[in-house]
Amino acid sequence: METQQKFDVITMGRSSIDLYSNDIGAPFVDISSFAAYVGGCPTNISVGTRRLGLNVALLTAVGDDQVGDFILHFLKREGVDTQFISRKPGLRSSAVVLGIEPPDRFPLTYYRENCADIALTIDDVLATPITEARALLISGTGLCKEPSRSSTLLAAELARQAGVTVMLDIDFRPDQWHDARAFGITLRSALRLVDVVIGTEDEINAVMLTEASQVNLTHSQVSDARVSGDSLAAIQAMLKLGPDLVIQKRGAGSSLIHTISDGVIAEPLEVPGFPVEVKNILGAGDGFASGVLYGFVNGWDWYKTVRLANACGAILVTQHGCANFMPTHDEVMTFIQNHGGF
């Protein structure tokens, strides 16, 4: 008899208050006001999966401050299980400030010094029922510093030992690493614990340290180009390090699914996207990951799963923020139906 899992998904990593410019199109120096939202890749994904209908818990940490209160209040209202979120006295909940100049300029500044979520400990992980979930979602930023790095690796290790699927959102934020090469080294060492990788072409290249990864990775880059030879080689090398599946995000055009079975790498499967007018690309990848997790938990095939993920991402780029604007199940299904179906 199959054991009933306590959670569909546990997401682990950063959380923040996001201050997004209300002056769409204005240069950063001319911004007059900001809207306050909740953010952080795994936090956004926890909200996205919850709105789609999954039972989700978030493992993060916030400061014993008003920003922490703000984050927790929102998550509880959304129905995300917050019982494993620790308060870290003396540390601060992080913040992000964003300018919005569509279609391709989104200047972003992180405030993560003395950051609470990087202080996630091994004890925090051991107090969380990692083995009682269908899937664990970790992110690259959670590996950038200790003690979060060791804690994230332990969570993935416990999950793998228990047969819990581990998904990695590459989430490359160059300014959170002392050296881009350290990013690649660290993430490659973690891939043995990962089943599914989600990332853009640039992020995949950065993990594998290909020549293409020397480009300046910024949030303003949106590429719909077909996979390059360098990137395909990087993906194939990545699959040989442990993951069974790499999902390559490519903006509005399409996504590519790369798989390996018994050491044989299959031809990439292309999944069409949903072209929309871009307002803000921040959060689109987190909406995408939410769709991937929903399809996986519900036993969908990968094509249908990634089609849903593409739709979630497309909806997010038309919105002002991230977590606060994640689509519900009914909203995304209506969107897909209105755009040709699965």
C-alpha atoms as a PDB file:
ATOM      1  CA  MET A   1       0.000   0.000   0.000  1.00  0.00           C
ATOM      2  CA  GLU A   2       1.399   3.387  -1.027  1.00  0.00           C
ATOM      3  CA  THR A   3       2.321   5.713   1.826  1.00  0.00           C
ATOM      4  CA  GLN A   4       0.346   8.974   1.928  1.00  0.00           C
ATOM      5  CA  GLN A   5       2.746  11.903   1.710  1.00  0.00           C
ATOM      6  CA  LYS A   6       2.282  14.824   4.109  1.00  0.00           C
ATOM      7  CA  PHE A   7       3.148  17.436   1.455  1.00  0.00           C
ATOM      8  CA  ASP A   8       3.050  17.524  -2.316  1.00  0.00           C
ATOM      9  CA  VAL A   9       5.994  19.925  -2.368  1.00  0.00           C
ATOM     10  CA  ILE A  10       8.526  21.442   0.014  1.00  0.00           C
ATOM     11  CA  THR A  11      10.409  24.427  -1.363  1.00  0.00           C
ATOM     12  CA  MET A  12      13.632  25.593   0.275  1.00  0.00           C
ATOM     13  CA  GLY A  13      15.667  28.781   0.071  1.00  0.00           C
ATOM     14  CA  ARG A  14      15.433  32.533  -0.059  1.00  0.00           C
ATOM     15  CA  SER A  15      12.570  34.823   0.882  1.00  0.00           C
ATOM     16  CA  SER A  16      12.281  38.595   0.714  1.00  0.00           C
ATOM     17  CA  ILE A  17      10.207  41.704   0.524  1.00  0.00           C
ATOM     18  CA  ASP A  18      10.193  42.908  -3.103  1.00  0.00           C
ATOM     19  CA  LEU A  19       9.865  46.628  -3.815  1.00  0.00           C
ATOM     20  CA  TYR A  20       8.824  47.040  -7.458  1.00  0.00           C
ATOM     21  CA  SER A  21       8.693  50.349  -9.246  1.00  0.00           C
ATOM     22  CA  ASN A  22       5.228  51.764  -9.838  1.00  0.00           C
ATOM     23  CA  ASP A  23       6.635  54.000 -12.586  1.00  0.00           C
ATOM     24  CA  ILE A  24       6.656  51.571 -15.497  1.00  0.00           C
ATOM     25  CA  GLY A  25       9.210  52.597 -18.098  1.00  0.00           C
ATOM     26  CA  ALA A  26      10.908  55.207 -15.912  1.00  0.00           C
ATOM     27  CA  PRO A  27      14.687  55.081 -15.433  1.00  0.00           C
ATOM     28  CA  PHE A  28      15.586  53.955 -11.935  1.00  0.00           C
ATOM     29  CA  VAL A  29      16.722  57.446 -10.895  1.00  0.00           C
ATOM     30  CA  ASP A  30      13.271  58.827 -11.743  1.00  0.00           C
ATOM     31  CA  ILE A  31      11.211  56.298  -9.759  1.00  0.00           C
ATOM     32  CA  SER A  32       8.807  58.029  -7.380  1.00  0.00           C
ATOM     33  CA  SER A  33       7.186  55.053  -5.618  1.00  0.00           C
ATOM     34  CA  PHE A  34       7.344  51.289  -5.152  1.00  0.00           C
ATOM     35  CA  ALA A  35       4.795  48.529  -4.492  1.00  0.00           C
ATOM     36  CA  ALA A  36       5.629  46.038  -1.735  1.00  0.00           C
ATOM     37  CA  TYR A  37       5.284  42.335  -2.545  1.00  0.00           C
ATOM     38  CA  VAL A  38       6.710  39.032  -1.286  1.00  0.00           C
ATOM     39  CA  GLY A  39       9.514  37.425  -3.297  1.00  0.00           C
ATOM     40  CA  GLY A  40      12.440  35.015  -3.457  1.00  0.00           C
ATOM     41  CA  CYS A  41      12.546  32.089  -5.903  1.00  0.00           C
ATOM     42  CA  PRO A  42      11.467  29.209  -3.582  1.00  0.00           C
ATOM     43  CA  THR A  43       8.994  31.484  -1.795  1.00  0.00           C
ATOM     44  CA  ASN A  44       7.381  32.495  -5.076  1.00  0.00           C
ATOM     45  CA  ILE A  45       7.210  28.843  -6.102  1.00  0.00           C
ATOM     46  CA  SER A  46       5.566  27.871  -2.817  1.00  0.00           C
ATOM     47  CA  VAL A  47       2.812  30.405  -3.522  1.00  0.00           C
ATOM     48  CA  GLY A  48       2.558  29.395  -7.178  1.00  0.00           C
ATOM     49  CA  THR A  49       2.129  25.704  -6.404  1.00  0.00           C
ATOM     50  CA  ARG A  50      -0.345  26.475  -3.622  1.00  0.00           C
ATOM     51  CA  ARG A  51      -2.496  28.598  -5.930  1.00  0.00           C
ATOM     52  CA  LEU A  52      -2.493  25.744  -8.432  1.00  0.00           C
ATOM     53  CA  GLY A  53      -3.906  23.521  -5.686  1.00  0.00           C
ATOM     54  CA  LEU A  54      -0.950  21.654  -4.193  1.00  0.00           C
ATOM     55  CA  ASN A  55      -0.236  21.129  -0.504  1.00  0.00           C
ATOM     56  CA  VAL A  56       3.070  22.949   0.006  1.00  0.00           C
ATOM     57  CA  ALA A  57       5.423  23.890   2.826  1.00  0.00           C
ATOM     58  CA  LEU A  58       8.211  26.447   2.686  1.00  0.00           C
ATOM     59  CA  LEU A  59      11.567  26.025   4.419  1.00  0.00           C
ATOM     60  CA  THR A  60      13.191  29.440   4.749  1.00  0.00           C
ATOM     61  CA  ALA A  61      14.181  31.841   7.506  1.00  0.00           C
ATOM     62  CA  VAL A  62      13.245  35.433   8.220  1.00  0.00           C
ATOM     63  CA  GLY A  63      14.517  37.982  10.676  1.00  0.00           C
ATOM     64  CA  ASP A  64      12.788  38.821  13.921  1.00  0.00           C
ATOM     65  CA  ASP A  65      11.650  42.028  12.255  1.00  0.00           C
ATOM     66  CA  GLN A  66       8.638  43.660  10.629  1.00  0.00           C
ATOM     67  CA  VAL A  67       9.681  42.483   7.174  1.00  0.00           C
ATOM     68  CA  GLY A  68       9.587  38.917   8.498  1.00  0.00           C
ATOM     69  CA  ASP A  69       6.081  39.611   9.808  1.00  0.00           C
ATOM     70  CA  PHE A  70       5.109  40.920   6.368  1.00  0.00           C
ATOM     71  CA  ILE A  71       6.379  37.778   4.614  1.00  0.00           C
ATOM     72  CA  LEU A  72       4.796  35.352   7.072  1.00  0.00           C
ATOM     73  CA  HIS A  73       1.448  37.162   7.056  1.00  0.00           C
ATOM     74  CA  PHE A  74       1.228  36.890   3.273  1.00  0.00           C
ATOM     75  CA  LEU A  75       2.245  33.219   3.181  1.00  0.00           C
ATOM     76  CA  LYS A  76      -0.273  32.239   5.859  1.00  0.00           C
ATOM     77  CA  ARG A  77      -3.020  34.077   3.999  1.00  0.00           C
ATOM     78  CA  GLU A  78      -2.084  32.135   0.861  1.00  0.00           C
ATOM     79  CA  GLY A  79      -2.290  28.786   2.649  1.00  0.00           C
ATOM     80  CA  VAL A  80       1.421  27.937   2.426  1.00  0.00           C
ATOM     81  CA  ASP A  81       2.518  25.873   5.453  1.00  0.00           C
ATOM     82  CA  THR A  82       4.885  28.141   7.405  1.00  0.00           C
ATOM     83  CA  GLN A  83       5.547  25.999  10.463  1.00  0.00           C
ATOM     84  CA  PHE A  84       9.113  25.209   9.327  1.00  0.00           C
ATOM     85  CA  ILE A  85      10.094  28.852   8.786  1.00  0.00           C
ATOM     86  CA  SER A  86      12.443  29.942  11.552  1.00  0.00           C
ATOM     87  CA  ARG A  87      12.989  33.440  12.908  1.00  0.00           C
ATOM     88  CA  LYS A  88      16.653  34.414  13.212  1.00  0.00           C
ATOM     89  CA  PRO A  89      17.199  37.085  15.914  1.00  0.00           C
ATOM     90  CA  GLY A  90      19.922  39.538  14.990  1.00  0.00           C
ATOM     91  CA  LEU A  91      19.573  38.820  11.269  1.00  0.00           C
ATOM     92  CA  ARG A  92      17.454  40.585   8.688  1.00  0.00           C
ATOM     93  CA  SER A  93      14.784  39.447   6.263  1.00  0.00           C
ATOM     94  CA  SER A  94      16.145  40.264   2.825  1.00  0.00           C
ATOM     95  CA  ALA A  95      14.880  42.830   0.335  1.00  0.00           C
ATOM     96  CA  VAL A  96      14.937  43.352  -3.419  1.00  0.00           C
ATOM     97  CA  VAL A  97      14.412  46.641  -5.271  1.00  0.00           C
ATOM     98  CA  LEU A  98      13.445  46.576  -8.954  1.00  0.00           C
ATOM     99  CA  GLY A  99      13.037  49.080 -11.743  1.00  0.00           C
ATOM    100  CA  ILE A 100      10.697  48.145 -14.600  1.00  0.00           C
ATOM    101  CA  GLU A 101      11.577  49.324 -18.107  1.00  0.00           C
ATOM    102  CA  PRO A 102       9.968  46.816 -20.470  1.00  0.00           C
ATOM    103  CA  PRO A 103      10.579  44.995 -22.667  1.00  0.00           C
ATOM    104  CA  ASP A 104      14.214  44.341 -21.758  1.00  0.00           C
ATOM    105  CA  ARG A 105      15.463  46.478 -18.858  1.00  0.00           C
ATOM    106  CA  PHE A 106      14.751  45.432 -15.270  1.00  0.00           C
ATOM    107  CA  PRO A 107      17.517  46.854 -13.042  1.00  0.00           C
ATOM    108  CA  LEU A 108      17.638  44.862  -9.818  1.00  0.00           C
ATOM    109  CA  THR A 109      19.355  45.434  -6.488  1.00  0.00           C
ATOM    110  CA  TYR A 110      19.541  42.843  -3.703  1.00  0.00           C
ATOM    111  CA  TYR A 111      19.849  43.677  -0.008  1.00  0.00           C
ATOM    112  CA  ARG A 112      21.042  40.412   1.493  1.00  0.00           C
ATOM    113  CA  GLU A 113      23.808  41.392   3.908  1.00  0.00           C
ATOM    114  CA  ASN A 114      23.222  39.808   7.342  1.00  0.00           C
ATOM    115  CA  CYS A 115      20.522  37.751   5.628  1.00  0.00           C
ATOM    116  CA  ALA A 116      18.263  35.418   7.619  1.00  0.00           C
ATOM    117  CA  ASP A 117      17.568  32.780   4.945  1.00  0.00           C
ATOM    118  CA  ILE A 118      21.289  32.179   4.354  1.00  0.00           C
ATOM    119  CA  ALA A 119      21.420  31.252   8.050  1.00  0.00           C
ATOM    120  CA  LEU A 120      19.280  28.135   7.515  1.00  0.00           C
ATOM    121  CA  THR A 121      20.931  25.377   9.523  1.00  0.00           C
ATOM    122  CA  ILE A 122      21.173  21.616   9.507  1.00  0.00           C
ATOM    123  CA  ASP A 123      18.867  21.618  12.533  1.00  0.00           C
ATOM    124  CA  ASP A 124      16.290  23.590  10.517  1.00  0.00           C
ATOM    125  CA  VAL A 125      16.402  20.857   7.874  1.00  0.00           C
ATOM    126  CA  LEU A 126      16.157  18.036  10.410  1.00  0.00           C
ATOM    127  CA  ALA A 127      13.078  19.704  11.911  1.00  0.00           C
ATOM    128  CA  THR A 128      11.353  19.662   8.501  1.00  0.00           C
ATOM    129  CA  PRO A 129       9.678  16.474   7.173  1.00  0.00           C
ATOM    130  CA  ILE A 130      11.688  16.410   3.940  1.00  0.00           C
ATOM    131  CA  THR A 131      11.059  12.697   3.507  1.00  0.00           C
ATOM    132  CA  GLU A 132       7.274  13.186   3.703  1.00  0.00           C
ATOM    133  CA  ALA A 133       6.953  15.127   0.442  1.00  0.00           C
ATOM    134  CA  ARG A 134       6.464  14.131  -3.179  1.00  0.00           C
ATOM    135  CA  ALA A 135       9.071  16.677  -4.311  1.00  0.00           C
ATOM    136  CA  LEU A 136      11.724  18.964  -2.853  1.00  0.00           C
ATOM    137  CA  LEU A 137      12.572  22.188  -4.712  1.00  0.00           C
ATOM    138  CA  ILE A 138      15.968  23.749  -4.007  1.00  0.00           C
ATOM    139  CA  SER A 139      17.612  26.737  -5.687  1.00  0.00           C
ATOM    140  CA  GLY A 140      21.116  27.709  -6.698  1.00  0.00           C
ATOM    141  CA  THR A 141      21.177  30.788  -4.471  1.00  0.00           C
ATOM    142  CA  GLY A 142      20.659  28.577  -1.431  1.00  0.00           C
ATOM    143  CA  LEU A 143      24.084  27.087  -2.181  1.00  0.00           C
ATOM    144  CA  CYS A 144      25.995  30.379  -2.335  1.00  0.00           C
ATOM    145  CA  LYS A 145      27.077  30.578   1.338  1.00  0.00           C
ATOM    146  CA  GLU A 146      27.220  28.617   4.569  1.00  0.00           C
ATOM    147  CA  PRO A 147      25.337  27.447   6.557  1.00  0.00           C
ATOM    148  CA  SER A 148      22.617  27.432   3.890  1.00  0.00           C
ATOM    149  CA  ARG A 149      24.861  25.511   1.483  1.00  0.00           C
ATOM    150  CA  SER A 150      25.359  22.487   3.756  1.00  0.00           C
ATOM    151  CA  SER A 151      21.730  22.607   4.842  1.00  0.00           C
ATOM    152  CA  THR A 152      20.499  22.581   1.247  1.00  0.00           C
ATOM    153  CA  LEU A 153      22.763  19.674   0.358  1.00  0.00           C
ATOM    154  CA  LEU A 154      21.538  17.749   3.402  1.00  0.00           C
ATOM    155  CA  ALA A 155      17.916  18.341   2.441  1.00  0.00           C
ATOM    156  CA  ALA A 156      18.588  17.028  -1.062  1.00  0.00           C
ATOM    157  CA  GLU A 157      20.480  14.057   0.336  1.00  0.00           C
ATOM    158  CA  LEU A 158      17.653  13.128   2.718  1.00  0.00           C
ATOM    159  CA  ALA A 159      15.125  13.497  -0.072  1.00  0.00           C
ATOM    160  CA  ARG A 160      17.049  11.271  -2.469  1.00  0.00           C
ATOM    161  CA  GLN A 161      17.522   8.589   0.180  1.00  0.00           C
ATOM    162  CA  ALA A 162      13.754   8.559   0.773  1.00  0.00           C
ATOM    163  CA  GLY A 163      12.823   8.483  -2.916  1.00  0.00           C
ATOM    164  CA  VAL A 164      11.577  12.082  -2.899  1.00  0.00           C
ATOM    165  CA  THR A 165      12.131  13.778  -6.266  1.00  0.00           C
ATOM    166  CA  VAL A 166      14.618  16.655  -6.036  1.00  0.00           C
ATOM    167  CA  MET A 167      14.203  19.589  -8.403  1.00  0.00           C
ATOM    168  CA  LEU A 168      16.840  22.300  -8.768  1.00  0.00           C
ATOM    169  CA  ASP A 169      15.968  25.771 -10.017  1.00  0.00           C
ATOM    170  CA  ILE A 170      19.397  27.055 -11.061  1.00  0.00           C
ATOM    171  CA  ASP A 171      18.458  30.609 -10.000  1.00  0.00           C
ATOM    172  CA  PHE A 172      21.828  32.146 -10.885  1.00  0.00           C
ATOM    173  CA  ARG A 173      22.267  35.544  -9.231  1.00  0.00           C
ATOM    174  CA  PRO A 174      25.881  36.514 -10.046  1.00  0.00           C
ATOM    175  CA  ASP A 175      26.145  39.165  -7.332  1.00  0.00           C
ATOM    176  CA  GLN A 176      25.378  36.571  -4.658  1.00  0.00           C
ATOM    177  CA  TRP A 177      28.586  34.654  -5.443  1.00  0.00           C
ATOM    178  CA  HIS A 178      32.160  35.731  -4.783  1.00  0.00           C
ATOM    179  CA  ASP A 179      33.196  34.131  -8.090  1.00  0.00           C
ATOM    180  CA  ALA A 180      31.107  32.842 -11.004  1.00  0.00           C
ATOM    181  CA  ARG A 181      33.429  29.844 -11.187  1.00  0.00           C
ATOM    182  CA  ALA A 182      32.506  28.950  -7.611  1.00  0.00           C
ATOM    183  CA  PHE A 183      28.876  28.919  -8.702  1.00  0.00           C
ATOM    184  CA  GLY A 184      29.618  26.328 -11.368  1.00  0.00           C
ATOM    185  CA  ILE A 185      31.808  24.199  -9.126  1.00  0.00           C
ATOM    186  CA  THR A 186      29.237  24.183  -6.314  1.00  0.00           C
ATOM    187  CA  LEU A 187      26.229  23.399  -8.475  1.00  0.00           C
ATOM    188  CA  ARG A 188      28.025  20.656 -10.379  1.00  0.00           C
ATOM    189  CA  SER A 189      28.868  19.002  -7.078  1.00  0.00           C
ATOM    190  CA  ALA A 190      25.178  19.106  -6.137  1.00  0.00           C
ATOM    191  CA  LEU A 191      23.876  17.568  -9.371  1.00  0.00           C
ATOM    192  CA  ARG A 192      24.416  14.010  -8.108  1.00  0.00           C
ATOM    193  CA  LEU A 193      21.531  14.698  -5.686  1.00  0.00           C
ATOM    194  CA  VAL A 194      19.177  16.190  -8.278  1.00  0.00           C
ATOM    195  CA  ASP A 195      16.547  14.512 -10.462  1.00  0.00           C
ATOM    196  CA  VAL A 196      15.236  17.486 -12.450  1.00  0.00           C
ATOM    197  CA  VAL A 197      17.057  20.727 -13.367  1.00  0.00           C
ATOM    198  CA  ILE A 198      15.225  23.878 -14.470  1.00  0.00           C
ATOM    199  CA  GLY A 199      17.169  26.751 -16.015  1.00  0.00           C
ATOM    200  CA  THR A 200      17.763  29.111 -18.899  1.00  0.00           C
ATOM    201  CA  GLU A 201      20.434  28.525 -21.528  1.00  0.00           C
ATOM    202  CA  ASP A 202      22.681  31.111 -19.850  1.00  0.00           C
ATOM    203  CA  GLU A 203      22.206  29.514 -16.428  1.00  0.00           C
ATOM    204  CA  ILE A 204      22.982  26.044 -17.760  1.00  0.00           C
ATOM    205  CA  ASN A 205      26.131  27.342 -19.407  1.00  0.00           C
ATOM    206  CA  ALA A 206      27.177  29.017 -16.150  1.00  0.00           C
ATOM    207  CA  VAL A 207      26.769  25.762 -14.224  1.00  0.00           C
ATOM    208  CA  MET A 208      28.874  23.866 -16.745  1.00  0.00           C
ATOM    209  CA  LEU A 209      31.348  26.767 -17.256  1.00  0.00           C
ATOM    210  CA  THR A 210      31.160  26.744 -21.041  1.00  0.00           C
ATOM    211  CA  GLU A 211      32.564  29.577 -23.159  1.00  0.00           C
ATOM    212  CA  ALA A 212      29.016  30.847 -23.632  1.00  0.00           C
ATOM    213  CA  SER A 213      28.771  31.447 -19.880  1.00  0.00           C
ATOM    214  CA  GLN A 214      31.169  34.377 -20.166  1.00  0.00           C
ATOM    215  CA  VAL A 215      28.274  36.583 -21.291  1.00  0.00           C
ATOM    216  CA  ASN A 216      26.951  39.102 -18.809  1.00  0.00           C
ATOM    217  CA  LEU A 217      23.992  37.379 -17.162  1.00  0.00           C
ATOM    218  CA  THR A 218      21.354  39.928 -16.249  1.00  0.00           C
ATOM    219  CA  HIS A 219      17.600  39.918 -15.769  1.00  0.00           C
ATOM    220  CA  SER A 220      17.284  42.099 -18.870  1.00  0.00           C
ATOM    221  CA  GLN A 221      18.223  39.238 -21.199  1.00  0.00           C
ATOM    222  CA  VAL A 222      15.365  37.418 -22.905  1.00  0.00           C
ATOM    223  CA  SER A 223      16.391  34.903 -25.547  1.00  0.00           C
ATOM    224  CA  ASP A 224      14.136  32.882 -27.818  1.00  0.00           C
ATOM    225  CA  ALA A 225      17.006  31.468 -29.862  1.00  0.00           C
ATOM    226  CA  ARG A 226      17.253  27.771 -30.545  1.00  0.00           C
ATOM    227  CA  VAL A 227      19.692  25.825 -28.393  1.00  0.00           C
ATOM    228  CA  SER A 228      23.279  26.447 -29.454  1.00  0.00           C
ATOM    229  CA  GLY A 229      25.911  23.791 -29.941  1.00  0.00           C
ATOM    230  CA  ASP A 230      27.768  24.921 -26.813  1.00  0.00           C
ATOM    231  CA  SER A 231      24.583  24.788 -24.757  1.00  0.00           C
ATOM    232  CA  LEU A 232      23.588  21.375 -26.065  1.00  0.00           C
ATOM    233  CA  ALA A 233      27.009  20.040 -25.077  1.00  0.00           C
ATOM    234  CA  ALA A 234      26.586  21.635 -21.627  1.00  0.00           C
ATOM    235  CA  ILE A 235      23.172  20.029 -21.185  1.00  0.00           C
ATOM    236  CA  GLN A 236      24.449  16.629 -22.250  1.00  0.00           C
ATOM    237  CA  ALA A 237      27.340  16.918 -19.796  1.00  0.00           C
ATOM    238  CA  MET A 238      24.916  17.970 -17.074  1.00  0.00           C
ATOM    239  CA  LEU A 239      22.708  14.930 -17.666  1.00  0.00           C
ATOM    240  CA  LYS A 240      25.732  12.654 -17.227  1.00  0.00           C
ATOM    241  CA  LEU A 241      26.344  14.097 -13.725  1.00  0.00           C
ATOM    242  CA  GLY A 242      23.121  12.790 -12.208  1.00  0.00           C
ATOM    243  CA  PRO A 243      19.836  14.414 -13.284  1.00  0.00           C
ATOM    244  CA  ASP A 244      17.375  12.456 -15.393  1.00  0.00           C
ATOM    245  CA  LEU A 245      15.857  15.558 -16.914  1.00  0.00           C
ATOM    246  CA  VAL A 246      16.888  19.119 -17.775  1.00  0.00           C
ATOM    247  CA  ILE A 247      14.152  21.611 -18.661  1.00  0.00           C
ATOM    248  CA  GLN A 248      15.500  24.552 -20.618  1.00  0.00           C
ATOM    249  CA  LYS A 249      13.461  27.768 -20.379  1.00  0.00           C
ATOM    250  CA  ARG A 250      13.589  29.923 -23.526  1.00  0.00           C
ATOM    251  CA  GLY A 251      11.092  32.727 -23.004  1.00  0.00           C
ATOM    252  CA  ALA A 252       8.044  33.160 -25.193  1.00  0.00           C
ATOM    253  CA  GLY A 253       9.181  30.910 -28.033  1.00  0.00           C
ATOM    254  CA  SER A 254       9.293  27.469 -26.462  1.00  0.00           C
ATOM    255  CA  SER A 255      10.972  25.298 -23.864  1.00  0.00           C
ATOM    256  CA  LEU A 256      13.114  22.221 -24.432  1.00  0.00           C
ATOM    257  CA  ILE A 257      12.996  18.974 -22.461  1.00  0.00           C
ATOM    258  CA  HIS A 258      16.272  17.023 -22.345  1.00  0.00           C
ATOM    259  CA  THR A 259      16.260  13.478 -20.939  1.00  0.00           C
ATOM    260  CA  ILE A 260      18.650  10.606 -20.352  1.00  0.00           C
ATOM    261  CA  SER A 261      17.763   6.943 -19.879  1.00  0.00           C
ATOM    262  CA  ASP A 262      20.224   4.101 -19.351  1.00  0.00           C
ATOM    263  CA  GLY A 263      23.030   6.447 -20.343  1.00  0.00           C
ATOM    264  CA  VAL A 264      21.389   7.384 -23.648  1.00  0.00           C
ATOM    265  CA  ILE A 265      20.481  11.044 -24.178  1.00  0.00           C
ATOM    266  CA  ALA A 266      17.310  11.532 -26.213  1.00  0.00           C
ATOM    267  CA  GLU A 267      16.666  14.217 -28.800  1.00  0.00           C
ATOM    268  CA  PRO A 268      15.304  17.377 -27.122  1.00  0.00           C
ATOM    269  CA  LEU A 269      11.512  17.674 -27.031  1.00  0.00           C
ATOM    270  CA  GLU A 270      10.288  21.159 -27.915  1.00  0.00           C
ATOM    271  CA  VAL A 271       7.222  22.518 -26.108  1.00  0.00           C
ATOM    272  CA  PRO A 272       5.595  25.642 -27.603  1.00  0.00           C
ATOM    273  CA  GLY A 273       5.227  28.740 -25.472  1.00  0.00           C
ATOM    274  CA  PHE A 274       2.623  31.495 -25.312  1.00  0.00           C
ATOM    275  CA  PRO A 275       3.744  34.823 -26.822  1.00  0.00           C
ATOM    276  CA  VAL A 276       2.412  37.711 -24.741  1.00  0.00           C
ATOM    277  CA  GLU A 277       3.243  41.371 -24.204  1.00  0.00           C
ATOM    278  CA  VAL A 278       5.978  41.586 -21.583  1.00  0.00           C
ATOM    279  CA  LYS A 279       5.483  43.869 -18.596  1.00  0.00           C
ATOM    280  CA  ASN A 280       7.948  42.372 -16.112  1.00  0.00           C
ATOM    281  CA  ILE A 281      10.002  39.192 -16.594  1.00  0.00           C
ATOM    282  CA  LEU A 282      10.831  38.825 -12.881  1.00  0.00           C
ATOM    283  CA  GLY A 283       8.904  35.889 -11.466  1.00  0.00           C
ATOM    284  CA  ALA A 284       8.207  34.233 -14.802  1.00  0.00           C
ATOM    285  CA  GLY A 285      10.695  31.449 -14.067  1.00  0.00           C
ATOM    286  CA  ASP A 286       9.137  30.865 -10.663  1.00  0.00           C
ATOM    287  CA  GLY A 287       5.694  30.592 -12.211  1.00  0.00           C
ATOM    288  CA  PHE A 288       7.227  28.161 -14.710  1.00  0.00           C
ATOM    289  CA  ALA A 289       8.674  25.995 -11.917  1.00  0.00           C
ATOM    290  CA  SER A 290       5.302  26.001 -10.161  1.00  0.00           C
ATOM    291  CA  GLY A 291       3.728  24.537 -13.291  1.00  0.00           C
ATOM    292  CA  VAL A 292       6.457  21.904 -13.542  1.00  0.00           C
ATOM    293  CA  LEU A 293       5.831  20.826  -9.963  1.00  0.00           C
ATOM    294  CA  TYR A 294       2.061  20.723 -10.461  1.00  0.00           C
ATOM    295  CA  GLY A 295       2.300  18.531 -13.541  1.00  0.00           C
ATOM    296  CA  PHE A 296       4.822  16.231 -11.878  1.00  0.00           C
ATOM    297  CA  VAL A 297       2.762  15.755  -8.707  1.00  0.00           C
ATOM    298  CA  ASN A 298      -0.328  14.976 -10.792  1.00  0.00           C
ATOM    299  CA  GLY A 299       1.490  12.397 -12.903  1.00  0.00           C
ATOM    300  CA  TRP A 300       1.286  14.277 -16.201  1.00  0.00           C
ATOM    301  CA  ASP A 301       3.653  13.526 -19.072  1.00  0.00           C
ATOM    302  CA  TRP A 302       6.500  16.012 -19.434  1.00  0.00           C
ATOM    303  CA  TYR A 303       5.163  17.653 -22.589  1.00  0.00           C
ATOM    304  CA  LYS A 304       1.850  18.564 -20.948  1.00  0.00           C
ATOM    305  CA  THR A 305       3.659  19.539 -17.753  1.00  0.00           C
ATOM    306  CA  VAL A 306       5.987  21.965 -19.516  1.00  0.00           C
ATOM    307  CA  ARG A 307       3.136  23.358 -21.617  1.00  0.00           C
ATOM    308  CA  LEU A 308       1.420  24.261 -18.329  1.00  0.00           C
ATOM    309  CA  ALA A 309       4.689  25.692 -17.024  1.00  0.00           C
ATOM    310  CA  ASN A 310       5.018  27.854 -20.142  1.00  0.00           C
ATOM    311  CA  ALA A 311       1.515  29.181 -19.551  1.00  0.00           C
ATOM    312  CA  CYS A 312       2.243  30.032 -15.911  1.00  0.00           C
ATOM    313  CA  GLY A 313       5.375  31.919 -16.963  1.00  0.00           C
ATOM    314  CA  ALA A 314       3.518  33.745 -19.740  1.00  0.00           C
ATOM    315  CA  ILE A 315       0.864  34.947 -17.321  1.00  0.00           C
ATOM    316  CA  LEU A 316       3.504  36.223 -14.888  1.00  0.00           C
ATOM    317  CA  VAL A 317       5.334  38.372 -17.445  1.00  0.00           C
ATOM    318  CA  THR A 318       2.126  40.361 -17.964  1.00  0.00           C
ATOM    319  CA  GLN A 319       1.951  41.209 -14.246  1.00  0.00           C
ATOM    320  CA  HIS A 320       3.654  43.729 -11.969  1.00  0.00           C
ATOM    321  CA  GLY A 321       5.180  41.356  -9.395  1.00  0.00           C
ATOM    322  CA  CYS A 322       5.913  37.719  -8.538  1.00  0.00           C
ATOM    323  CA  ALA A 323       4.298  35.807  -5.662  1.00  0.00           C
ATOM    324  CA  ASN A 324       1.323  38.145  -5.377  1.00  0.00           C
ATOM    325  CA  PHE A 325       0.396  37.550  -9.016  1.00  0.00           C
ATOM    326  CA  MET A 326       0.832  33.785  -9.381  1.00  0.00           C
ATOM    327  CA  PRO A 327      -2.113  32.338 -11.376  1.00  0.00           C
ATOM    328  CA  THR A 328      -4.687  30.033  -9.847  1.00  0.00           C
ATOM    329  CA  HIS A 329      -5.496  26.657 -11.364  1.00  0.00           C
ATOM    330  CA  ASP A 330      -8.649  27.996 -13.035  1.00  0.00           C
ATOM    331  CA  GLU A 331      -6.860  31.066 -14.386  1.00  0.00           C
ATOM    332  CA  VAL A 332      -4.060  29.119 -16.035  1.00  0.00           C
ATOM    333  CA  MET A 333      -6.397  26.476 -17.465  1.00  0.00           C
ATOM    334  CA  THR A 334      -8.593  29.189 -18.972  1.00  0.00           C
ATOM    335  CA  PHE A 335      -5.483  30.875 -20.398  1.00  0.00           C
ATOM    336  CA  ILE A 336      -4.337  27.626 -22.036  1.00  0.00           C
ATOM    337  CA  GLN A 337      -7.810  26.942 -23.432  1.00  0.00           C
ATOM    338  CA  ASN A 338      -7.916  30.444 -24.912  1.00  0.00           C
ATOM    339  CA  HIS A 339      -4.512  29.933 -26.547  1.00  0.00           C
ATOM    340  CA  GLY A 340      -5.014  26.647 -28.356  1.00  0.00           C
ATOM    341  CA  GLY A 341      -5.033  24.176 -25.471  1.00  0.00           C
ATOM    342  CA  PHE A 342      -2.335  21.688 -24.526  1.00  0.00           C
END
